[in-house]
Amino acid sequence: PDLTGHEKFGLGNVKYNISRIHVTAVELPSASISLLPGSGIKLVIGNASLTIDMNWSIRTWMFKDSGRGTVHISKVLVTAIFSTPLDNTGPTSISLTSCRTTSGDVDIKLNGKT
């Protein structure tokens, strides 16, 4: 979905819109799954990266601008724990118990209209 909003900076408001958000690349070079005895499954994804392309626009009382942008997020680490009930009374279910994500680098490039 598009991201639209406004923020107050100094002497006025800044209105922004980020639209046509597309994930153009995902890399998961290191992933592992391990069983946690009696409780569930642990998933670890390391050194992952994600690239997103988008349109952006900004408007203030003084000026307006718009263009295309790219966001590249790298050195992402995701650790997720899933619980799996061990009773045989019904269909197997999996629940997300915890999830932690950290990222190392974020590179943002904004290009204005020419």
PDB file of N, CA and C in Angstrom:
ATOM      1  N   PRO A   1       0.825  -1.207   0.000  1.00  0.00           N
ATOM      2  CA  PRO A   1       0.000   0.000   0.000  1.00  0.00           C
ATOM      3  C   PRO A   1       0.861   1.261   0.000  1.00  0.00           C
ATOM      4  N   ASP A   2       0.287   2.339  -0.474  1.00  0.00           N
ATOM      5  CA  ASP A   2       0.977   3.628  -0.473  1.00  0.00           C
ATOM      6  C   ASP A   2       1.136   4.144   0.958  1.00  0.00           C
ATOM      7  N   LEU A   3       2.165   4.954   1.169  1.00  0.00           N
ATOM      8  CA  LEU A   3       2.392   5.600   2.462  1.00  0.00           C
ATOM      9  C   LEU A   3       2.198   7.094   2.270  1.00  0.00           C
ATOM     10  N   THR A   4       1.242   7.660   2.991  1.00  0.00           N
ATOM     11  CA  THR A   4       0.936   9.082   2.886  1.00  0.00           C
ATOM     12  C   THR A   4       0.843   9.656   4.285  1.00  0.00           C
ATOM     13  N   GLY A   5       1.348  10.877   4.440  1.00  0.00           N
ATOM     14  CA  GLY A   5       1.249  11.502   5.751  1.00  0.00           C
ATOM     15  C   GLY A   5       1.856  12.880   5.756  1.00  0.00           C
ATOM     16  N   HIS A   6       2.026  13.408   6.954  1.00  0.00           N
ATOM     17  CA  HIS A   6       2.653  14.713   7.107  1.00  0.00           C
ATOM     18  C   HIS A   6       3.418  14.747   8.426  1.00  0.00           C
ATOM     19  N   GLU A   7       4.448  15.551   8.427  1.00  0.00           N
ATOM     20  CA  GLU A   7       5.289  15.759   9.605  1.00  0.00           C
ATOM     21  C   GLU A   7       5.491  17.246   9.791  1.00  0.00           C
ATOM     22  N   LYS A   8       5.629  17.678  11.035  1.00  0.00           N
ATOM     23  CA  LYS A   8       5.871  19.085  11.316  1.00  0.00           C
ATOM     24  C   LYS A   8       7.367  19.306  11.495  1.00  0.00           C
ATOM     25  N   PHE A   9       7.930  20.195  10.676  1.00  0.00           N
ATOM     26  CA  PHE A   9       9.343  20.550  10.749  1.00  0.00           C
ATOM     27  C   PHE A   9       9.458  22.055  10.793  1.00  0.00           C
ATOM     28  N   GLY A  10      10.168  22.568  11.763  1.00  0.00           N
ATOM     29  CA  GLY A  10      10.462  23.993  11.830  1.00  0.00           C
ATOM     30  C   GLY A  10       9.246  24.884  11.664  1.00  0.00           C
ATOM     31  N   LEU A  11       9.161  25.571  10.516  1.00  0.00           N
ATOM     32  CA  LEU A  11       8.121  26.571  10.286  1.00  0.00           C
ATOM     33  C   LEU A  11       6.846  26.035   9.635  1.00  0.00           C
ATOM     34  N   GLY A  12       6.780  24.745   9.344  1.00  0.00           N
ATOM     35  CA  GLY A  12       5.574  24.265   8.674  1.00  0.00           C
ATOM     36  C   GLY A  12       5.502  22.759   8.572  1.00  0.00           C
ATOM     37  N   ASN A  13       4.458  22.312   7.872  1.00  0.00           N
ATOM     38  CA  ASN A  13       4.236  20.890   7.678  1.00  0.00           C
ATOM     39  C   ASN A  13       4.848  20.431   6.364  1.00  0.00           C
ATOM     40  N   VAL A  14       5.292  19.199   6.364  1.00  0.00           N
ATOM     41  CA  VAL A  14       5.790  18.541   5.162  1.00  0.00           C
ATOM     42  C   VAL A  14       4.832  17.397   4.869  1.00  0.00           C
ATOM     43  N   LYS A  15       4.193  17.444   3.688  1.00  0.00           N
ATOM     44  CA  LYS A  15       3.316  16.361   3.265  1.00  0.00           C
ATOM     45  C   LYS A  15       4.107  15.457   2.338  1.00  0.00           C
ATOM     46  N   TYR A  16       3.949  14.141   2.522  1.00  0.00           N
ATOM     47  CA  TYR A  16       4.698  13.200   1.696  1.00  0.00           C
ATOM     48  C   TYR A  16       3.790  12.080   1.208  1.00  0.00           C
ATOM     49  N   ASN A  17       4.191  11.473   0.105  1.00  0.00           N
ATOM     50  CA  ASN A  17       3.501  10.321  -0.437  1.00  0.00           C
ATOM     51  C   ASN A  17       4.540   9.395  -1.058  1.00  0.00           C
ATOM     52  N   ILE A  18       4.493   8.137  -0.676  1.00  0.00           N
ATOM     53  CA  ILE A  18       5.346   7.111  -1.270  1.00  0.00           C
ATOM     54  C   ILE A  18       4.407   6.094  -1.901  1.00  0.00           C
ATOM     55  N   SER A  19       4.534   5.906  -3.222  1.00  0.00           N
ATOM     56  CA  SER A  19       3.597   5.043  -3.938  1.00  0.00           C
ATOM     57  C   SER A  19       4.340   4.092  -4.878  1.00  0.00           C
ATOM     58  N   ARG A  20       3.577   3.175  -5.465  1.00  0.00           N
ATOM     59  CA  ARG A  20       4.111   2.174  -6.400  1.00  0.00           C
ATOM     60  C   ARG A  20       5.344   1.482  -5.813  1.00  0.00           C
ATOM     61  N   ILE A  21       5.186   1.018  -4.572  1.00  0.00           N
ATOM     62  CA  ILE A  21       6.266   0.343  -3.859  1.00  0.00           C
ATOM     63  C   ILE A  21       6.380  -1.092  -4.397  1.00  0.00           C
ATOM     64  N   HIS A  22       7.580  -1.426  -4.885  1.00  0.00           N
ATOM     65  CA  HIS A  22       7.819  -2.762  -5.433  1.00  0.00           C
ATOM     66  C   HIS A  22       9.111  -3.333  -4.866  1.00  0.00           C
ATOM     67  N   VAL A  23       9.033  -4.544  -4.352  1.00  0.00           N
ATOM     68  CA  VAL A  23      10.239  -5.254  -3.936  1.00  0.00           C
ATOM     69  C   VAL A  23      10.864  -5.828  -5.203  1.00  0.00           C
ATOM     70  N   THR A  24      12.072  -5.398  -5.525  1.00  0.00           N
ATOM     71  CA  THR A  24      12.707  -5.821  -6.767  1.00  0.00           C
ATOM     72  C   THR A  24      13.783  -6.886  -6.572  1.00  0.00           C
ATOM     73  N   ALA A  25      14.261  -7.072  -5.350  1.00  0.00           N
ATOM     74  CA  ALA A  25      15.264  -8.102  -5.095  1.00  0.00           C
ATOM     75  C   ALA A  25      15.241  -8.512  -3.627  1.00  0.00           C
ATOM     76  N   VAL A  26      15.381  -9.812  -3.404  1.00  0.00           N
ATOM     77  CA  VAL A  26      15.503 -10.367  -2.060  1.00  0.00           C
ATOM     78  C   VAL A  26      16.610 -11.412  -2.112  1.00  0.00           C
ATOM     79  N   GLU A  27      17.549 -11.323  -1.207  1.00  0.00           N
ATOM     80  CA  GLU A  27      18.619 -12.316  -1.125  1.00  0.00           C
ATOM     81  C   GLU A  27      18.647 -12.896   0.280  1.00  0.00           C
ATOM     82  N   LEU A  28      18.627 -14.223   0.363  1.00  0.00           N
ATOM     83  CA  LEU A  28      18.684 -14.942   1.633  1.00  0.00           C
ATOM     84  C   LEU A  28      19.853 -15.925   1.574  1.00  0.00           C
ATOM     85  N   PRO A  29      21.089 -15.420   1.650  1.00  0.00           N
ATOM     86  CA  PRO A  29      22.251 -16.287   1.448  1.00  0.00           C
ATOM     87  C   PRO A  29      22.516 -17.286   2.568  1.00  0.00           C
ATOM     88  N   SER A  30      22.005 -17.014   3.751  1.00  0.00           N
ATOM     89  CA  SER A  30      22.275 -17.888   4.889  1.00  0.00           C
ATOM     90  C   SER A  30      20.988 -18.098   5.677  1.00  0.00           C
ATOM     91  N   ALA A  31      20.484 -19.329   5.660  1.00  0.00           N
ATOM     92  CA  ALA A  31      19.260 -19.640   6.414  1.00  0.00           C
ATOM     93  C   ALA A  31      19.429 -20.999   7.072  1.00  0.00           C
ATOM     94  N   SER A  32      18.921 -21.124   8.286  1.00  0.00           N
ATOM     95  CA  SER A  32      18.971 -22.414   8.978  1.00  0.00           C
ATOM     96  C   SER A  32      17.694 -22.616   9.781  1.00  0.00           C
ATOM     97  N   ILE A  33      17.315 -23.865   9.890  1.00  0.00           N
ATOM     98  CA  ILE A  33      16.150 -24.251  10.693  1.00  0.00           C
ATOM     99  C   ILE A  33      16.618 -25.317  11.675  1.00  0.00           C
ATOM    100  N   SER A  34      16.231 -25.150  12.936  1.00  0.00           N
ATOM    101  CA  SER A  34      16.575 -26.157  13.946  1.00  0.00           C
ATOM    102  C   SER A  34      15.366 -26.441  14.813  1.00  0.00           C
ATOM    103  N   LEU A  35      15.318 -27.651  15.323  1.00  0.00           N
ATOM    104  CA  LEU A  35      14.231 -28.048  16.220  1.00  0.00           C
ATOM    105  C   LEU A  35      14.591 -27.658  17.648  1.00  0.00           C
ATOM    106  N   LEU A  36      13.612 -27.149  18.363  1.00  0.00           N
ATOM    107  CA  LEU A  36      13.773 -26.834  19.779  1.00  0.00           C
ATOM    108  C   LEU A  36      12.992 -27.904  20.534  1.00  0.00           C
ATOM    109  N   PRO A  37      13.675 -28.842  21.156  1.00  0.00           N
ATOM    110  CA  PRO A  37      12.998 -29.978  21.790  1.00  0.00           C
ATOM    111  C   PRO A  37      11.873 -29.535  22.731  1.00  0.00           C
ATOM    112  N   GLY A  38      10.704 -30.074  22.493  1.00  0.00           N
ATOM    113  CA  GLY A  38       9.561 -29.816  23.351  1.00  0.00           C
ATOM    114  C   GLY A  38       8.865 -28.494  23.122  1.00  0.00           C
ATOM    115  N   SER A  39       9.381 -27.649  22.225  1.00  0.00           N
ATOM    116  CA  SER A  39       8.726 -26.353  22.083  1.00  0.00           C
ATOM    117  C   SER A  39       8.462 -25.925  20.646  1.00  0.00           C
ATOM    118  N   GLY A  40       9.319 -26.260  19.697  1.00  0.00           N
ATOM    119  CA  GLY A  40       9.020 -25.798  18.358  1.00  0.00           C
ATOM    120  C   GLY A  40      10.198 -25.763  17.418  1.00  0.00           C
ATOM    121  N   ILE A  41      10.225 -24.729  16.603  1.00  0.00           N
ATOM    122  CA  ILE A  41      11.196 -24.593  15.522  1.00  0.00           C
ATOM    123  C   ILE A  41      11.821 -23.201  15.589  1.00  0.00           C
ATOM    124  N   LYS A  42      13.140 -23.136  15.338  1.00  0.00           N
ATOM    125  CA  LYS A  42      13.844 -21.859  15.287  1.00  0.00           C
ATOM    126  C   LYS A  42      14.344 -21.653  13.857  1.00  0.00           C
ATOM    127  N   LEU A  43      14.016 -20.502  13.292  1.00  0.00           N
ATOM    128  CA  LEU A  43      14.447 -20.126  11.952  1.00  0.00           C
ATOM    129  C   LEU A  43      15.390 -18.936  12.077  1.00  0.00           C
ATOM    130  N   VAL A  44      16.580 -19.038  11.472  1.00  0.00           N
ATOM    131  CA  VAL A  44      17.542 -17.939  11.476  1.00  0.00           C
ATOM    132  C   VAL A  44      17.925 -17.638  10.035  1.00  0.00           C
ATOM    133  N   ILE A  45      17.746 -16.393   9.638  1.00  0.00           N
ATOM    134  CA  ILE A  45      18.162 -15.926   8.320  1.00  0.00           C
ATOM    135  C   ILE A  45      19.200 -14.839   8.554  1.00  0.00           C
ATOM    136  N   GLY A  46      20.397 -15.054   8.008  1.00  0.00           N
ATOM    137  CA  GLY A  46      21.480 -14.105   8.231  1.00  0.00           C
ATOM    138  C   GLY A  46      21.981 -13.487   6.943  1.00  0.00           C
ATOM    139  N   ASN A  47      22.507 -12.287   7.055  1.00  0.00           N
ATOM    140  CA  ASN A  47      23.109 -11.543   5.956  1.00  0.00           C
ATOM    141  C   ASN A  47      22.161 -11.400   4.763  1.00  0.00           C
ATOM    142  N   ALA A  48      20.897 -11.232   5.035  1.00  0.00           N
ATOM    143  CA  ALA A  48      19.903 -11.066   3.976  1.00  0.00           C
ATOM    144  C   ALA A  48      19.906  -9.618   3.481  1.00  0.00           C
ATOM    145  N   SER A  49      19.325  -9.416   2.292  1.00  0.00           N
ATOM    146  CA  SER A  49      19.198  -8.056   1.770  1.00  0.00           C
ATOM    147  C   SER A  49      17.894  -7.925   0.993  1.00  0.00           C
ATOM    148  N   LEU A  50      17.463  -6.683   0.833  1.00  0.00           N
ATOM    149  CA  LEU A  50      16.183  -6.370   0.211  1.00  0.00           C
ATOM    150  C   LEU A  50      16.325  -5.064  -0.543  1.00  0.00           C
ATOM    151  N   THR A  51      15.807  -5.017  -1.779  1.00  0.00           N
ATOM    152  CA  THR A  51      15.822  -3.784  -2.559  1.00  0.00           C
ATOM    153  C   THR A  51      14.387  -3.430  -2.930  1.00  0.00           C
ATOM    154  N   ILE A  52      14.028  -2.158  -2.726  1.00  0.00           N
ATOM    155  CA  ILE A  52      12.669  -1.670  -2.976  1.00  0.00           C
ATOM    156  C   ILE A  52      12.754  -0.449  -3.883  1.00  0.00           C
ATOM    157  N   ASP A  53      11.939  -0.428  -4.939  1.00  0.00           N
ATOM    158  CA  ASP A  53      11.798   0.753  -5.798  1.00  0.00           C
ATOM    159  C   ASP A  53      10.454   1.402  -5.502  1.00  0.00           C
ATOM    160  N   MET A  54      10.369   2.732  -5.690  1.00  0.00           N
ATOM    161  CA  MET A  54       9.137   3.447  -5.355  1.00  0.00           C
ATOM    162  C   MET A  54       9.100   4.796  -6.052  1.00  0.00           C
ATOM    163  N   ASN A  55       7.918   5.396  -6.081  1.00  0.00           N
ATOM    164  CA  ASN A  55       7.736   6.803  -6.440  1.00  0.00           C
ATOM    165  C   ASN A  55       7.601   7.579  -5.140  1.00  0.00           C
ATOM    166  N   TRP A  56       8.037   8.826  -5.137  1.00  0.00           N
ATOM    167  CA  TRP A  56       7.903   9.656  -3.943  1.00  0.00           C
ATOM    168  C   TRP A  56       7.506  11.070  -4.351  1.00  0.00           C
ATOM    169  N   SER A  57       6.825  11.732  -3.452  1.00  0.00           N
ATOM    170  CA  SER A  57       6.529  13.161  -3.638  1.00  0.00           C
ATOM    171  C   SER A  57       6.512  13.820  -2.272  1.00  0.00           C
ATOM    172  N   ILE A  58       6.880  15.106  -2.266  1.00  0.00           N
ATOM    173  CA  ILE A  58       6.937  15.884  -1.033  1.00  0.00           C
ATOM    174  C   ILE A  58       6.432  17.284  -1.345  1.00  0.00           C
ATOM    175  N   ARG A  59       5.716  17.874  -0.387  1.00  0.00           N
ATOM    176  CA  ARG A  59       5.178  19.221  -0.584  1.00  0.00           C
ATOM    177  C   ARG A  59       5.247  19.978   0.730  1.00  0.00           C
ATOM    178  N   THR A  60       5.761  21.210   0.649  1.00  0.00           N
ATOM    179  CA  THR A  60       5.770  22.111   1.789  1.00  0.00           C
ATOM    180  C   THR A  60       5.132  23.420   1.340  1.00  0.00           C
ATOM    181  N   TRP A  61       5.060  24.398   2.206  1.00  0.00           N
ATOM    182  CA  TRP A  61       4.489  25.686   1.829  1.00  0.00           C
ATOM    183  C   TRP A  61       5.400  26.418   0.850  1.00  0.00           C
ATOM    184  N   MET A  62       6.692  26.019   0.801  1.00  0.00           N
ATOM    185  CA  MET A  62       7.654  26.696  -0.070  1.00  0.00           C
ATOM    186  C   MET A  62       7.891  26.005  -1.407  1.00  0.00           C
ATOM    187  N   PHE A  63       7.840  24.672  -1.436  1.00  0.00           N
ATOM    188  CA  PHE A  63       8.179  23.959  -2.662  1.00  0.00           C
ATOM    189  C   PHE A  63       7.523  22.588  -2.690  1.00  0.00           C
ATOM    190  N   LYS A  64       7.586  21.974  -3.869  1.00  0.00           N
ATOM    191  CA  LYS A  64       7.158  20.595  -4.007  1.00  0.00           C
ATOM    192  C   LYS A  64       8.122  19.901  -4.957  1.00  0.00           C
ATOM    193  N   ASP A  65       8.273  18.588  -4.779  1.00  0.00           N
ATOM    194  CA  ASP A  65       9.170  17.819  -5.627  1.00  0.00           C
ATOM    195  C   ASP A  65       8.683  16.377  -5.633  1.00  0.00           C
ATOM    196  N   SER A  66       9.107  15.627  -6.635  1.00  0.00           N
ATOM    197  CA  SER A  66       8.735  14.224  -6.730  1.00  0.00           C
ATOM    198  C   SER A  66       9.738  13.503  -7.613  1.00  0.00           C
ATOM    199  N   GLY A  67       9.683  12.194  -7.593  1.00  0.00           N
ATOM    200  CA  GLY A  67      10.590  11.412  -8.416  1.00  0.00           C
ATOM    201  C   GLY A  67      10.520   9.938  -8.081  1.00  0.00           C
ATOM    202  N   ARG A  68      11.589   9.231  -8.411  1.00  0.00           N
ATOM    203  CA  ARG A  68      11.715   7.802  -8.139  1.00  0.00           C
ATOM    204  C   ARG A  68      12.755   7.610  -7.040  1.00  0.00           C
ATOM    205  N   GLY A  69      12.655   6.493  -6.354  1.00  0.00           N
ATOM    206  CA  GLY A  69      13.619   6.202  -5.309  1.00  0.00           C
ATOM    207  C   GLY A  69      13.893   4.719  -5.199  1.00  0.00           C
ATOM    208  N   THR A  70      15.046   4.399  -4.620  1.00  0.00           N
ATOM    209  CA  THR A  70      15.439   3.016  -4.359  1.00  0.00           C
ATOM    210  C   THR A  70      15.949   2.936  -2.929  1.00  0.00           C
ATOM    211  N   VAL A  71      15.511   1.919  -2.210  1.00  0.00           N
ATOM    212  CA  VAL A  71      15.994   1.649  -0.859  1.00  0.00           C
ATOM    213  C   VAL A  71      16.618   0.262  -0.868  1.00  0.00           C
ATOM    214  N   HIS A  72      17.864   0.188  -0.417  1.00  0.00           N
ATOM    215  CA  HIS A  72      18.549  -1.108  -0.306  1.00  0.00           C
ATOM    216  C   HIS A  72      18.889  -1.331   1.164  1.00  0.00           C
ATOM    217  N   ILE A  73      18.366  -2.406   1.727  1.00  0.00           N
ATOM    218  CA  ILE A  73      18.602  -2.759   3.129  1.00  0.00           C
ATOM    219  C   ILE A  73      19.464  -4.018   3.127  1.00  0.00           C
ATOM    220  N   SER A  74      20.603  -3.973   3.831  1.00  0.00           N
ATOM    221  CA  SER A  74      21.506  -5.130   3.833  1.00  0.00           C
ATOM    222  C   SER A  74      21.927  -5.484   5.255  1.00  0.00           C
ATOM    223  N   LYS A  75      22.609  -6.598   5.351  1.00  0.00           N
ATOM    224  CA  LYS A  75      23.062  -7.146   6.634  1.00  0.00           C
ATOM    225  C   LYS A  75      21.882  -7.360   7.583  1.00  0.00           C
ATOM    226  N   VAL A  76      20.796  -7.919   7.030  1.00  0.00           N
ATOM    227  CA  VAL A  76      19.580  -8.167   7.807  1.00  0.00           C
ATOM    228  C   VAL A  76      19.698  -9.529   8.496  1.00  0.00           C
ATOM    229  N   LEU A  77      19.360  -9.564   9.775  1.00  0.00           N
ATOM    230  CA  LEU A  77      19.322 -10.803  10.546  1.00  0.00           C
ATOM    231  C   LEU A  77      17.903 -10.978  11.083  1.00  0.00           C
ATOM    232  N   VAL A  78      17.311 -12.134  10.815  1.00  0.00           N
ATOM    233  CA  VAL A  78      15.964 -12.453  11.302  1.00  0.00           C
ATOM    234  C   VAL A  78      16.057 -13.730  12.116  1.00  0.00           C
ATOM    235  N   THR A  79      15.542 -13.694  13.332  1.00  0.00           N
ATOM    236  CA  THR A  79      15.438 -14.891  14.168  1.00  0.00           C
ATOM    237  C   THR A  79      13.973 -15.039  14.571  1.00  0.00           C
ATOM    238  N   ALA A  80      13.380 -16.175  14.229  1.00  0.00           N
ATOM    239  CA  ALA A  80      11.968 -16.412  14.538  1.00  0.00           C
ATOM    240  C   ALA A  80      11.827 -17.751  15.249  1.00  0.00           C
ATOM    241  N   ILE A  81      10.969 -17.779  16.261  1.00  0.00           N
ATOM    242  CA  ILE A  81      10.665 -19.002  16.994  1.00  0.00           C
ATOM    243  C   ILE A  81       9.190 -19.324  16.754  1.00  0.00           C
ATOM    244  N   PHE A  82       8.937 -20.549  16.309  1.00  0.00           N
ATOM    245  CA  PHE A  82       7.574 -21.016  16.072  1.00  0.00           C
ATOM    246  C   PHE A  82       7.272 -22.130  17.057  1.00  0.00           C
ATOM    247  N   SER A  83       6.081 -22.089  17.652  1.00  0.00           N
ATOM    248  CA  SER A  83       5.682 -23.168  18.557  1.00  0.00           C
ATOM    249  C   SER A  83       4.773 -24.123  17.798  1.00  0.00           C
ATOM    250  N   THR A  84       4.926 -25.389  18.121  1.00  0.00           N
ATOM    251  CA  THR A  84       4.120 -26.432  17.492  1.00  0.00           C
ATOM    252  C   THR A  84       3.559 -27.312  18.605  1.00  0.00           C
ATOM    253  N   PRO A  85       2.261 -27.207  18.890  1.00  0.00           N
ATOM    254  CA  PRO A  85       1.663 -28.051  19.933  1.00  0.00           C
ATOM    255  C   PRO A  85       1.870 -29.529  19.608  1.00  0.00           C
ATOM    256  N   LEU A  86       2.164 -30.306  20.640  1.00  0.00           N
ATOM    257  CA  LEU A  86       2.476 -31.721  20.437  1.00  0.00           C
ATOM    258  C   LEU A  86       1.294 -32.651  20.652  1.00  0.00           C
ATOM    259  N   ASP A  87       0.085 -32.110  20.853  1.00  0.00           N
ATOM    260  CA  ASP A  87      -1.064 -33.007  21.027  1.00  0.00           C
ATOM    261  C   ASP A  87      -1.577 -33.457  19.653  1.00  0.00           C
ATOM    262  N   ASN A  88      -2.191 -34.613  19.619  1.00  0.00           N
ATOM    263  CA  ASN A  88      -2.706 -35.171  18.371  1.00  0.00           C
ATOM    264  C   ASN A  88      -4.228 -35.057  18.300  1.00  0.00           C
ATOM    265  N   THR A  89      -4.782 -34.000  18.868  1.00  0.00           N
ATOM    266  CA  THR A  89      -6.238 -33.881  18.941  1.00  0.00           C
ATOM    267  C   THR A  89      -6.853 -33.187  17.736  1.00  0.00           C
ATOM    268  N   GLY A  90      -6.073 -32.645  16.864  1.00  0.00           N
ATOM    269  CA  GLY A  90      -6.628 -31.923  15.725  1.00  0.00           C
ATOM    270  C   GLY A  90      -5.564 -31.652  14.691  1.00  0.00           C
ATOM    271  N   PRO A  91      -5.874 -30.768  13.760  1.00  0.00           N
ATOM    272  CA  PRO A  91      -4.880 -30.457  12.726  1.00  0.00           C
ATOM    273  C   PRO A  91      -3.634 -29.804  13.329  1.00  0.00           C
ATOM    274  N   THR A  92      -2.511 -30.033  12.693  1.00  0.00           N
ATOM    275  CA  THR A  92      -1.255 -29.435  13.152  1.00  0.00           C
ATOM    276  C   THR A  92      -1.320 -27.918  12.977  1.00  0.00           C
ATOM    277  N   SER A  93      -0.874 -27.208  13.979  1.00  0.00           N
ATOM    278  CA  SER A  93      -0.854 -25.749  13.895  1.00  0.00           C
ATOM    279  C   SER A  93       0.538 -25.253  14.268  1.00  0.00           C
ATOM    280  N   ILE A  94       0.878 -24.097  13.717  1.00  0.00           N
ATOM    281  CA  ILE A  94       2.151 -23.449  14.019  1.00  0.00           C
ATOM    282  C   ILE A  94       1.856 -22.004  14.387  1.00  0.00           C
ATOM    283  N   SER A  95       2.426 -21.539  15.493  1.00  0.00           N
ATOM    284  CA  SER A  95       2.242 -20.156  15.945  1.00  0.00           C
ATOM    285  C   SER A  95       3.595 -19.475  16.064  1.00  0.00           C
ATOM    286  N   LEU A  96       3.660 -18.214  15.652  1.00  0.00           N
ATOM    287  CA  LEU A  96       4.870 -17.428  15.819  1.00  0.00           C
ATOM    288  C   LEU A  96       4.954 -16.989  17.274  1.00  0.00           C
ATOM    289  N   THR A  97       5.986 -17.441  17.982  1.00  0.00           N
ATOM    290  CA  THR A  97       6.161 -17.122  19.394  1.00  0.00           C
ATOM    291  C   THR A  97       6.966 -15.847  19.572  1.00  0.00           C
ATOM    292  N   SER A  98       8.044 -15.698  18.794  1.00  0.00           N
ATOM    293  CA  SER A  98       8.856 -14.485  18.871  1.00  0.00           C
ATOM    294  C   SER A  98       9.548 -14.262  17.535  1.00  0.00           C
ATOM    295  N   CYS A  99       9.854 -13.005  17.280  1.00  0.00           N
ATOM    296  CA  CYS A  99      10.550 -12.641  16.049  1.00  0.00           C
ATOM    297  C   CYS A  99      11.401 -11.414  16.329  1.00  0.00           C
ATOM    298  N   ARG A 100      12.657 -11.476  15.909  1.00  0.00           N
ATOM    299  CA  ARG A 100      13.567 -10.348  16.105  1.00  0.00           C
ATOM    300  C   ARG A 100      14.285 -10.097  14.789  1.00  0.00           C
ATOM    301  N   THR A 101      14.304  -8.837  14.369  1.00  0.00           N
ATOM    302  CA  THR A 101      14.954  -8.467  13.115  1.00  0.00           C
ATOM    303  C   THR A 101      15.862  -7.273  13.366  1.00  0.00           C
ATOM    304  N   THR A 102      17.066  -7.347  12.829  1.00  0.00           N
ATOM    305  CA  THR A 102      17.983  -6.214  12.866  1.00  0.00           C
ATOM    306  C   THR A 102      18.549  -6.014  11.465  1.00  0.00           C
ATOM    307  N   SER A 103      18.878  -4.771  11.152  1.00  0.00           N
ATOM    308  CA  SER A 103      19.506  -4.496   9.856  1.00  0.00           C
ATOM    309  C   SER A 103      20.767  -3.677  10.090  1.00  0.00           C
ATOM    310  N   GLY A 104      21.748  -3.899   9.237  1.00  0.00           N
ATOM    311  CA  GLY A 104      23.017  -3.218   9.399  1.00  0.00           C
ATOM    312  C   GLY A 104      23.106  -1.930   8.613  1.00  0.00           C
ATOM    313  N   ASP A 105      22.755  -1.977   7.330  1.00  0.00           N
ATOM    314  CA  ASP A 105      22.915  -0.816   6.464  1.00  0.00           C
ATOM    315  C   ASP A 105      21.627  -0.528   5.705  1.00  0.00           C
ATOM    316  N   VAL A 106      21.325   0.757   5.555  1.00  0.00           N
ATOM    317  CA  VAL A 106      20.199   1.200   4.737  1.00  0.00           C
ATOM    318  C   VAL A 106      20.721   2.286   3.806  1.00  0.00           C
ATOM    319  N   ASP A 107      20.567   2.063   2.496  1.00  0.00           N
ATOM    320  CA  ASP A 107      21.022   3.016   1.489  1.00  0.00           C
ATOM    321  C   ASP A 107      19.785   3.523   0.742  1.00  0.00           C
ATOM    322  N   ILE A 108      19.540   4.837   0.785  1.00  0.00           N
ATOM    323  CA  ILE A 108      18.375   5.435   0.149  1.00  0.00           C
ATOM    324  C   ILE A 108      18.843   6.374  -0.951  1.00  0.00           C
ATOM    325  N   LYS A 109      18.332   6.171  -2.164  1.00  0.00           N
ATOM    326  CA  LYS A 109      18.644   7.049  -3.294  1.00  0.00           C
ATOM    327  C   LYS A 109      17.346   7.617  -3.824  1.00  0.00           C
ATOM    328  N   LEU A 110      17.246   8.957  -3.832  1.00  0.00           N
ATOM    329  CA  LEU A 110      16.068   9.642  -4.346  1.00  0.00           C
ATOM    330  C   LEU A 110      16.470  10.429  -5.581  1.00  0.00           C
ATOM    331  N   ASN A 111      15.745  10.241  -6.657  1.00  0.00           N
ATOM    332  CA  ASN A 111      15.991  10.956  -7.897  1.00  0.00           C
ATOM    333  C   ASN A 111      14.769  11.814  -8.189  1.00  0.00           C
ATOM    334  N   GLY A 112      14.982  13.115  -8.401  1.00  0.00           N
ATOM    335  CA  GLY A 112      13.887  14.016  -8.725  1.00  0.00           C
ATOM    336  C   GLY A 112      13.553  13.958 -10.213  1.00  0.00           C
ATOM    337  N   LYS A 113      12.396  14.506 -10.572  1.00  0.00           N
ATOM    338  CA  LYS A 113      12.010  14.562 -11.973  1.00  0.00           C
ATOM    339  C   LYS A 113      12.923  15.526 -12.712  1.00  0.00           C
ATOM    340  N   THR A 114      13.188  15.217 -13.963  1.00  0.00           N
ATOM    341  CA  THR A 114      14.040  16.105 -14.765  1.00  0.00           C
ATOM    342  C   THR A 114      13.223  16.869 -15.772  1.00  0.00           C
TER     343      THR A 114
END
